[in-house]
Amino acid sequence: MPQDYVEMALHLAAAWAAGSLIGLERSFHGRPAGFRTHALVCLASALLMMVTTYQWQWIGAAPMETIRTDPTRMAQGIMTGIGFLGAGVIFKEGLSVRGLTTAASIWITSALGILFGIGFYFPAIVATAGTLLTLAVFRLIEYRMPTQFYAQHLIRFRKEQVLAEPDVRKLIEDHDFSISNMSYRLSESGAVFEYRMVIKTVRKENVETLAADLRARDDILEFRISPTGD
């Protein structure tokens, strides 16, 4: 019996440590689901799996051959419940969807908890290292690799100072942007006309030069450049 307690403590401690390491990376980057959330998710998953792996501890004196339990059903229930927690950290603002990486980290953390809970240490430790590598190192690779930059762009003019669409396109394309999904809107009782579009470039630095050019113009009432990030 004491040996079982040592093993239980080891399972829970390993799960807590793995969840804490992943959560530290998320907290460092200012994510809402961080250190404490990931530590608790991993610990809870391990705890629930131990209900099935150490079932003789709580079933009692009934002969084990008369009882049939399926540990995989507990794992399925854990992963289903984690789906709701993961959905809570994903939010959409305009065309930008954020929180997907944090949701994925919560999902893998719950899977690690399951592995530590049943004592499957080798794949759990390898997966923990792989998760930390993906979240920390891959971020640097992703930051340095060339990628297309998308943004939602809004420009507003007074009705009497509206810039023609070809001139608007030329203004934006001169800064190495391409344009798609342009739309138009007349607001404030017809006093303001606005262009809405999605712009794309291969260099994020182009955003600064475009914004500086737009700020210098007297005919533009308002503009907005909203990146569509992860």
C-alpha atoms as a PDB file:
ATOM      1  CA  MET A   1       0.000   0.000   0.000  1.00  0.00           C
ATOM      2  CA  PRO A   2       2.725   2.613   0.794  1.00  0.00           C
ATOM      3  CA  GLN A   3       4.387   1.738  -2.518  1.00  0.00           C
ATOM      4  CA  ASP A   4       1.132   2.607  -4.314  1.00  0.00           C
ATOM      5  CA  TYR A   5       1.064   5.963  -2.590  1.00  0.00           C
ATOM      6  CA  VAL A   6       4.613   6.703  -3.742  1.00  0.00           C
ATOM      7  CA  GLU A   7       3.664   5.838  -7.315  1.00  0.00           C
ATOM      8  CA  MET A   8       0.543   7.992  -7.130  1.00  0.00           C
ATOM      9  CA  ALA A   9       2.527  10.929  -5.833  1.00  0.00           C
ATOM     10  CA  LEU A  10       5.079  10.451  -8.623  1.00  0.00           C
ATOM     11  CA  HIS A  11       2.360  10.435 -11.288  1.00  0.00           C
ATOM     12  CA  LEU A  12       0.774  13.595  -9.936  1.00  0.00           C
ATOM     13  CA  ALA A  13       4.085  15.384  -9.424  1.00  0.00           C
ATOM     14  CA  ALA A  14       5.223  14.621 -12.978  1.00  0.00           C
ATOM     15  CA  ALA A  15       1.923  15.824 -14.413  1.00  0.00           C
ATOM     16  CA  TRP A  16       2.035  18.995 -12.322  1.00  0.00           C
ATOM     17  CA  ALA A  17       5.627  19.710 -13.406  1.00  0.00           C
ATOM     18  CA  ALA A  18       4.861  19.200 -17.108  1.00  0.00           C
ATOM     19  CA  GLY A  19       1.759  21.410 -16.992  1.00  0.00           C
ATOM     20  CA  SER A  20       3.634  24.084 -15.069  1.00  0.00           C
ATOM     21  CA  LEU A  21       6.467  24.231 -17.622  1.00  0.00           C
ATOM     22  CA  ILE A  22       4.057  24.643 -20.519  1.00  0.00           C
ATOM     23  CA  GLY A  23       2.019  27.180 -18.557  1.00  0.00           C
ATOM     24  CA  LEU A  24       5.133  29.232 -17.785  1.00  0.00           C
ATOM     25  CA  GLU A  25       5.773  29.685 -21.495  1.00  0.00           C
ATOM     26  CA  ARG A  26       2.188  30.838 -22.031  1.00  0.00           C
ATOM     27  CA  SER A  27       2.325  33.229 -19.066  1.00  0.00           C
ATOM     28  CA  PHE A  28       5.615  34.691 -20.278  1.00  0.00           C
ATOM     29  CA  HIS A  29       3.919  35.665 -23.534  1.00  0.00           C
ATOM     30  CA  GLY A  30       0.960  37.227 -21.742  1.00  0.00           C
ATOM     31  CA  ARG A  31      -1.691  34.634 -22.569  1.00  0.00           C
ATOM     32  CA  PRO A  32      -4.832  34.524 -20.388  1.00  0.00           C
ATOM     33  CA  ALA A  33      -4.541  30.765 -19.863  1.00  0.00           C
ATOM     34  CA  GLY A  34      -1.078  30.548 -18.358  1.00  0.00           C
ATOM     35  CA  PHE A  35       0.895  28.963 -15.535  1.00  0.00           C
ATOM     36  CA  ARG A  36      -1.886  28.047 -13.127  1.00  0.00           C
ATOM     37  CA  THR A  37      -4.375  26.986 -15.811  1.00  0.00           C
ATOM     38  CA  HIS A  38      -2.022  24.541 -17.516  1.00  0.00           C
ATOM     39  CA  ALA A  39      -0.736  23.153 -14.222  1.00  0.00           C
ATOM     40  CA  LEU A  40      -4.296  22.456 -13.042  1.00  0.00           C
ATOM     41  CA  VAL A  41      -5.388  20.972 -16.375  1.00  0.00           C
ATOM     42  CA  CYS A  42      -2.492  18.514 -16.425  1.00  0.00           C
ATOM     43  CA  LEU A  43      -2.885  17.650 -12.751  1.00  0.00           C
ATOM     44  CA  ALA A  44      -6.656  17.127 -13.095  1.00  0.00           C
ATOM     45  CA  SER A  45      -6.228  14.876 -16.137  1.00  0.00           C
ATOM     46  CA  ALA A  46      -3.674  12.745 -14.290  1.00  0.00           C
ATOM     47  CA  LEU A  47      -5.896  12.575 -11.208  1.00  0.00           C
ATOM     48  CA  LEU A  48      -8.909  11.408 -13.193  1.00  0.00           C
ATOM     49  CA  MET A  49      -6.928   8.736 -15.031  1.00  0.00           C
ATOM     50  CA  MET A  50      -5.613   7.426 -11.725  1.00  0.00           C
ATOM     51  CA  VAL A  51      -9.212   6.685 -10.793  1.00  0.00           C
ATOM     52  CA  THR A  52      -9.106   3.893 -13.380  1.00  0.00           C
ATOM     53  CA  THR A  53      -5.449   2.823 -13.114  1.00  0.00           C
ATOM     54  CA  TYR A  54      -5.705   2.413  -9.321  1.00  0.00           C
ATOM     55  CA  GLN A  55      -9.295   1.280  -9.216  1.00  0.00           C
ATOM     56  CA  TRP A  56      -8.585  -1.480  -6.673  1.00  0.00           C
ATOM     57  CA  GLN A  57      -7.898   1.291  -4.149  1.00  0.00           C
ATOM     58  CA  TRP A  58     -11.497   2.475  -4.146  1.00  0.00           C
ATOM     59  CA  ILE A  59     -13.596  -0.413  -5.469  1.00  0.00           C
ATOM     60  CA  GLY A  60     -13.311  -2.192  -2.142  1.00  0.00           C
ATOM     61  CA  ALA A  61     -13.414  -5.844  -1.294  1.00  0.00           C
ATOM     62  CA  ALA A  62     -15.388  -6.947  -4.364  1.00  0.00           C
ATOM     63  CA  PRO A  63     -13.518  -9.523  -6.484  1.00  0.00           C
ATOM     64  CA  MET A  64     -11.798  -7.722  -9.375  1.00  0.00           C
ATOM     65  CA  GLU A  65     -12.882 -10.392 -11.886  1.00  0.00           C
ATOM     66  CA  THR A  66     -16.504  -9.400 -11.294  1.00  0.00           C
ATOM     67  CA  ILE A  67     -15.909  -5.745 -12.264  1.00  0.00           C
ATOM     68  CA  ARG A  68     -15.184  -4.459 -15.764  1.00  0.00           C
ATOM     69  CA  THR A  69     -13.980  -0.875 -16.253  1.00  0.00           C
ATOM     70  CA  ASP A  70     -12.738   0.846 -19.406  1.00  0.00           C
ATOM     71  CA  PRO A  71      -9.976   3.430 -18.779  1.00  0.00           C
ATOM     72  CA  THR A  72     -10.254   4.742 -22.343  1.00  0.00           C
ATOM     73  CA  ARG A  73     -13.730   6.083 -21.592  1.00  0.00           C
ATOM     74  CA  MET A  74     -12.279   8.309 -18.879  1.00  0.00           C
ATOM     75  CA  ALA A  75      -9.704   9.614 -21.376  1.00  0.00           C
ATOM     76  CA  GLN A  76     -12.476  10.351 -23.873  1.00  0.00           C
ATOM     77  CA  GLY A  77     -14.436  12.237 -21.228  1.00  0.00           C
ATOM     78  CA  ILE A  78     -11.385  14.305 -20.275  1.00  0.00           C
ATOM     79  CA  MET A  79     -10.655  15.309 -23.873  1.00  0.00           C
ATOM     80  CA  THR A  80     -14.306  16.205 -24.453  1.00  0.00           C
ATOM     81  CA  GLY A  81     -14.357  18.445 -21.396  1.00  0.00           C
ATOM     82  CA  ILE A  82     -11.097  20.117 -22.399  1.00  0.00           C
ATOM     83  CA  GLY A  83     -12.767  21.139 -25.669  1.00  0.00           C
ATOM     84  CA  PHE A  84     -15.000  23.569 -23.760  1.00  0.00           C
ATOM     85  CA  LEU A  85     -12.025  25.067 -21.902  1.00  0.00           C
ATOM     86  CA  GLY A  86     -10.074  25.442 -25.132  1.00  0.00           C
ATOM     87  CA  ALA A  87     -12.987  27.145 -26.855  1.00  0.00           C
ATOM     88  CA  GLY A  88     -13.085  29.697 -24.052  1.00  0.00           C
ATOM     89  CA  VAL A  89      -9.616  31.052 -24.871  1.00  0.00           C
ATOM     90  CA  ILE A  90     -10.325  31.518 -28.598  1.00  0.00           C
ATOM     91  CA  PHE A  91     -11.814  34.835 -29.609  1.00  0.00           C
ATOM     92  CA  LYS A  92     -12.422  36.630 -32.889  1.00  0.00           C
ATOM     93  CA  GLU A  93     -12.005  40.346 -33.479  1.00  0.00           C
ATOM     94  CA  GLY A  94     -12.794  41.429 -37.022  1.00  0.00           C
ATOM     95  CA  LEU A  95     -10.870  39.090 -39.289  1.00  0.00           C
ATOM     96  CA  SER A  96      -8.382  38.234 -36.562  1.00  0.00           C
ATOM     97  CA  VAL A  97      -8.709  34.958 -34.645  1.00  0.00           C
ATOM     98  CA  ARG A  98      -6.557  34.719 -31.520  1.00  0.00           C
ATOM     99  CA  GLY A  99      -5.989  32.070 -28.878  1.00  0.00           C
ATOM    100  CA  LEU A 100      -5.651  29.048 -31.169  1.00  0.00           C
ATOM    101  CA  THR A 101      -2.143  28.223 -29.947  1.00  0.00           C
ATOM    102  CA  THR A 102      -3.196  28.518 -26.302  1.00  0.00           C
ATOM    103  CA  ALA A 103      -6.188  26.249 -26.963  1.00  0.00           C
ATOM    104  CA  ALA A 104      -3.881  23.702 -28.579  1.00  0.00           C
ATOM    105  CA  SER A 105      -1.478  23.915 -25.627  1.00  0.00           C
ATOM    106  CA  ILE A 106      -4.345  23.237 -23.201  1.00  0.00           C
ATOM    107  CA  TRP A 107      -5.365  20.239 -25.297  1.00  0.00           C
ATOM    108  CA  ILE A 108      -1.862  18.719 -25.374  1.00  0.00           C
ATOM    109  CA  THR A 109      -1.463  19.464 -21.662  1.00  0.00           C
ATOM    110  CA  SER A 110      -4.552  17.408 -20.866  1.00  0.00           C
ATOM    111  CA  ALA A 111      -3.177  14.565 -23.011  1.00  0.00           C
ATOM    112  CA  LEU A 112       0.108  14.734 -21.083  1.00  0.00           C
ATOM    113  CA  GLY A 113      -1.830  14.528 -17.836  1.00  0.00           C
ATOM    114  CA  ILE A 114      -3.503  11.349 -19.070  1.00  0.00           C
ATOM    115  CA  LEU A 115      -0.125   9.787 -19.920  1.00  0.00           C
ATOM    116  CA  PHE A 116       1.422  10.756 -16.585  1.00  0.00           C
ATOM    117  CA  GLY A 117      -1.707   9.563 -14.789  1.00  0.00           C
ATOM    118  CA  ILE A 118      -1.363   6.023 -16.155  1.00  0.00           C
ATOM    119  CA  GLY A 119       2.423   6.031 -15.683  1.00  0.00           C
ATOM    120  CA  PHE A 120       3.336   6.125 -19.379  1.00  0.00           C
ATOM    121  CA  TYR A 121       6.396   8.236 -18.625  1.00  0.00           C
ATOM    122  CA  PHE A 122       8.617   7.948 -21.686  1.00  0.00           C
ATOM    123  CA  PRO A 123       6.136   9.243 -24.303  1.00  0.00           C
ATOM    124  CA  ALA A 124       4.851  11.801 -21.802  1.00  0.00           C
ATOM    125  CA  ILE A 125       8.330  13.235 -21.193  1.00  0.00           C
ATOM    126  CA  VAL A 126       9.153  13.253 -24.915  1.00  0.00           C
ATOM    127  CA  ALA A 127       5.825  14.962 -25.678  1.00  0.00           C
ATOM    128  CA  THR A 128       6.446  17.538 -22.939  1.00  0.00           C
ATOM    129  CA  ALA A 129       9.830  18.385 -24.460  1.00  0.00           C
ATOM    130  CA  GLY A 130       8.268  18.533 -27.924  1.00  0.00           C
ATOM    131  CA  THR A 131       5.528  20.846 -26.703  1.00  0.00           C
ATOM    132  CA  LEU A 132       7.990  23.237 -25.069  1.00  0.00           C
ATOM    133  CA  LEU A 133      10.166  23.145 -28.204  1.00  0.00           C
ATOM    134  CA  THR A 134       7.165  23.947 -30.395  1.00  0.00           C
ATOM    135  CA  LEU A 135       5.947  26.827 -28.226  1.00  0.00           C
ATOM    136  CA  ALA A 136       9.326  28.438 -27.534  1.00  0.00           C
ATOM    137  CA  VAL A 137      11.734  27.665 -30.373  1.00  0.00           C
ATOM    138  CA  PHE A 138       9.221  27.488 -33.206  1.00  0.00           C
ATOM    139  CA  ARG A 139       8.055  30.984 -32.245  1.00  0.00           C
ATOM    140  CA  LEU A 140      11.514  32.311 -33.132  1.00  0.00           C
ATOM    141  CA  ILE A 141      11.551  30.395 -36.413  1.00  0.00           C
ATOM    142  CA  GLU A 142       8.070  31.605 -37.274  1.00  0.00           C
ATOM    143  CA  TYR A 143       9.055  35.191 -36.494  1.00  0.00           C
ATOM    144  CA  ARG A 144      12.074  35.076 -38.820  1.00  0.00           C
ATOM    145  CA  MET A 145      10.620  33.159 -41.756  1.00  0.00           C
ATOM    146  CA  PRO A 146       9.069  35.185 -44.609  1.00  0.00           C
ATOM    147  CA  THR A 147       5.289  35.166 -44.426  1.00  0.00           C
ATOM    148  CA  GLN A 148       2.453  37.101 -45.989  1.00  0.00           C
ATOM    149  CA  PHE A 149       1.025  39.805 -43.747  1.00  0.00           C
ATOM    150  CA  TYR A 150      -2.737  40.427 -43.890  1.00  0.00           C
ATOM    151  CA  ALA A 151      -4.633  43.358 -42.418  1.00  0.00           C
ATOM    152  CA  GLN A 152      -8.146  44.779 -42.455  1.00  0.00           C
ATOM    153  CA  HIS A 153      -7.948  48.330 -43.767  1.00  0.00           C
ATOM    154  CA  LEU A 154     -10.448  51.162 -43.370  1.00  0.00           C
ATOM    155  CA  ILE A 155     -10.206  54.656 -44.866  1.00  0.00           C
ATOM    156  CA  ARG A 156     -12.844  57.361 -44.264  1.00  0.00           C
ATOM    157  CA  PHE A 157     -13.319  60.594 -46.201  1.00  0.00           C
ATOM    158  CA  ARG A 158     -15.672  63.520 -45.931  1.00  0.00           C
ATOM    159  CA  LYS A 159     -18.227  63.269 -48.713  1.00  0.00           C
ATOM    160  CA  GLU A 160     -16.879  66.294 -50.543  1.00  0.00           C
ATOM    161  CA  GLN A 161     -13.261  65.021 -50.369  1.00  0.00           C
ATOM    162  CA  VAL A 162     -13.684  61.381 -51.395  1.00  0.00           C
ATOM    163  CA  LEU A 163     -10.708  59.939 -53.239  1.00  0.00           C
ATOM    164  CA  ALA A 164     -11.659  57.922 -56.303  1.00  0.00           C
ATOM    165  CA  GLU A 165     -11.236  54.167 -56.045  1.00  0.00           C
ATOM    166  CA  PRO A 166      -8.404  53.973 -58.639  1.00  0.00           C
ATOM    167  CA  ASP A 167      -6.494  56.595 -56.666  1.00  0.00           C
ATOM    168  CA  VAL A 168      -7.072  54.706 -53.406  1.00  0.00           C
ATOM    169  CA  ARG A 169      -5.815  51.493 -54.988  1.00  0.00           C
ATOM    170  CA  LYS A 170      -2.742  53.245 -56.364  1.00  0.00           C
ATOM    171  CA  LEU A 171      -2.009  54.830 -52.969  1.00  0.00           C
ATOM    172  CA  ILE A 172      -2.016  51.444 -51.266  1.00  0.00           C
ATOM    173  CA  GLU A 173      -0.334  49.480 -54.039  1.00  0.00           C
ATOM    174  CA  ASP A 174       2.517  52.020 -54.137  1.00  0.00           C
ATOM    175  CA  HIS A 175       3.450  50.692 -50.687  1.00  0.00           C
ATOM    176  CA  ASP A 176       3.706  47.106 -52.048  1.00  0.00           C
ATOM    177  CA  PHE A 177       0.287  45.986 -50.840  1.00  0.00           C
ATOM    178  CA  SER A 178      -2.233  44.008 -52.834  1.00  0.00           C
ATOM    179  CA  ILE A 179      -5.948  44.588 -52.233  1.00  0.00           C
ATOM    180  CA  SER A 180      -8.915  42.226 -52.048  1.00  0.00           C
ATOM    181  CA  ASN A 181     -12.543  42.357 -50.915  1.00  0.00           C
ATOM    182  CA  MET A 182     -12.998  46.090 -51.216  1.00  0.00           C
ATOM    183  CA  SER A 183     -16.345  47.390 -50.004  1.00  0.00           C
ATOM    184  CA  TYR A 184     -17.942  50.831 -49.640  1.00  0.00           C
ATOM    185  CA  ARG A 185     -20.127  52.515 -47.061  1.00  0.00           C
ATOM    186  CA  LEU A 186     -21.835  55.872 -46.696  1.00  0.00           C
ATOM    187  CA  SER A 187     -22.408  56.787 -43.041  1.00  0.00           C
ATOM    188  CA  GLU A 188     -23.315  59.628 -40.685  1.00  0.00           C
ATOM    189  CA  SER A 189     -26.312  60.700 -42.759  1.00  0.00           C
ATOM    190  CA  GLY A 190     -24.269  60.739 -45.927  1.00  0.00           C
ATOM    191  CA  ALA A 191     -21.524  62.977 -44.588  1.00  0.00           C
ATOM    192  CA  VAL A 192     -18.785  60.310 -44.503  1.00  0.00           C
ATOM    193  CA  PHE A 193     -17.723  57.799 -47.174  1.00  0.00           C
ATOM    194  CA  GLU A 194     -15.493  54.880 -46.296  1.00  0.00           C
ATOM    195  CA  TYR A 195     -13.547  52.146 -48.077  1.00  0.00           C
ATOM    196  CA  ARG A 196     -13.078  48.784 -46.371  1.00  0.00           C
ATOM    197  CA  MET A 197     -10.683  46.186 -47.731  1.00  0.00           C
ATOM    198  CA  VAL A 198      -8.222  43.415 -46.913  1.00  0.00           C
ATOM    199  CA  ILE A 199      -4.621  44.263 -47.783  1.00  0.00           C
ATOM    200  CA  LYS A 200      -1.658  41.900 -48.090  1.00  0.00           C
ATOM    201  CA  THR A 201       2.121  42.330 -48.218  1.00  0.00           C
ATOM    202  CA  VAL A 202       5.236  40.226 -47.728  1.00  0.00           C
ATOM    203  CA  ARG A 203       6.974  42.826 -45.553  1.00  0.00           C
ATOM    204  CA  LYS A 204       5.460  44.024 -42.277  1.00  0.00           C
ATOM    205  CA  GLU A 205       7.567  47.201 -42.493  1.00  0.00           C
ATOM    206  CA  ASN A 206       5.276  48.381 -45.283  1.00  0.00           C
ATOM    207  CA  VAL A 207       2.551  48.980 -42.696  1.00  0.00           C
ATOM    208  CA  GLU A 208       4.576  51.752 -41.048  1.00  0.00           C
ATOM    209  CA  THR A 209       5.248  53.562 -44.307  1.00  0.00           C
ATOM    210  CA  LEU A 210       1.614  53.274 -45.379  1.00  0.00           C
ATOM    211  CA  ALA A 211       0.390  54.596 -42.029  1.00  0.00           C
ATOM    212  CA  ALA A 212       2.849  57.515 -42.176  1.00  0.00           C
ATOM    213  CA  ASP A 213       1.657  58.430 -45.676  1.00  0.00           C
ATOM    214  CA  LEU A 214      -1.985  58.301 -44.636  1.00  0.00           C
ATOM    215  CA  ARG A 215      -1.341  60.445 -41.551  1.00  0.00           C
ATOM    216  CA  ALA A 216       0.216  63.146 -43.711  1.00  0.00           C
ATOM    217  CA  ARG A 217      -2.851  63.518 -45.938  1.00  0.00           C
ATOM    218  CA  ASP A 218      -5.393  66.247 -45.165  1.00  0.00           C
ATOM    219  CA  ASP A 219      -8.245  64.671 -47.136  1.00  0.00           C
ATOM    220  CA  ILE A 220      -8.427  61.518 -44.983  1.00  0.00           C
ATOM    221  CA  LEU A 221     -10.799  61.823 -42.036  1.00  0.00           C
ATOM    222  CA  GLU A 222      -9.853  58.519 -40.397  1.00  0.00           C
ATOM    223  CA  PHE A 223      -8.002  55.290 -41.216  1.00  0.00           C
ATOM    224  CA  ARG A 224      -7.464  51.973 -39.496  1.00  0.00           C
ATOM    225  CA  ILE A 225      -5.062  49.089 -40.192  1.00  0.00           C
ATOM    226  CA  SER A 226      -5.957  45.996 -38.158  1.00  0.00           C
ATOM    227  CA  PRO A 227      -3.588  43.002 -38.550  1.00  0.00           C
ATOM    228  CA  THR A 228      -5.246  39.611 -38.792  1.00  0.00           C
ATOM    229  CA  GLY A 229      -2.952  37.686 -36.421  1.00  0.00           C
ATOM    230  CA  ASP A 230      -2.888  34.300 -34.675  1.00  0.00           C
END
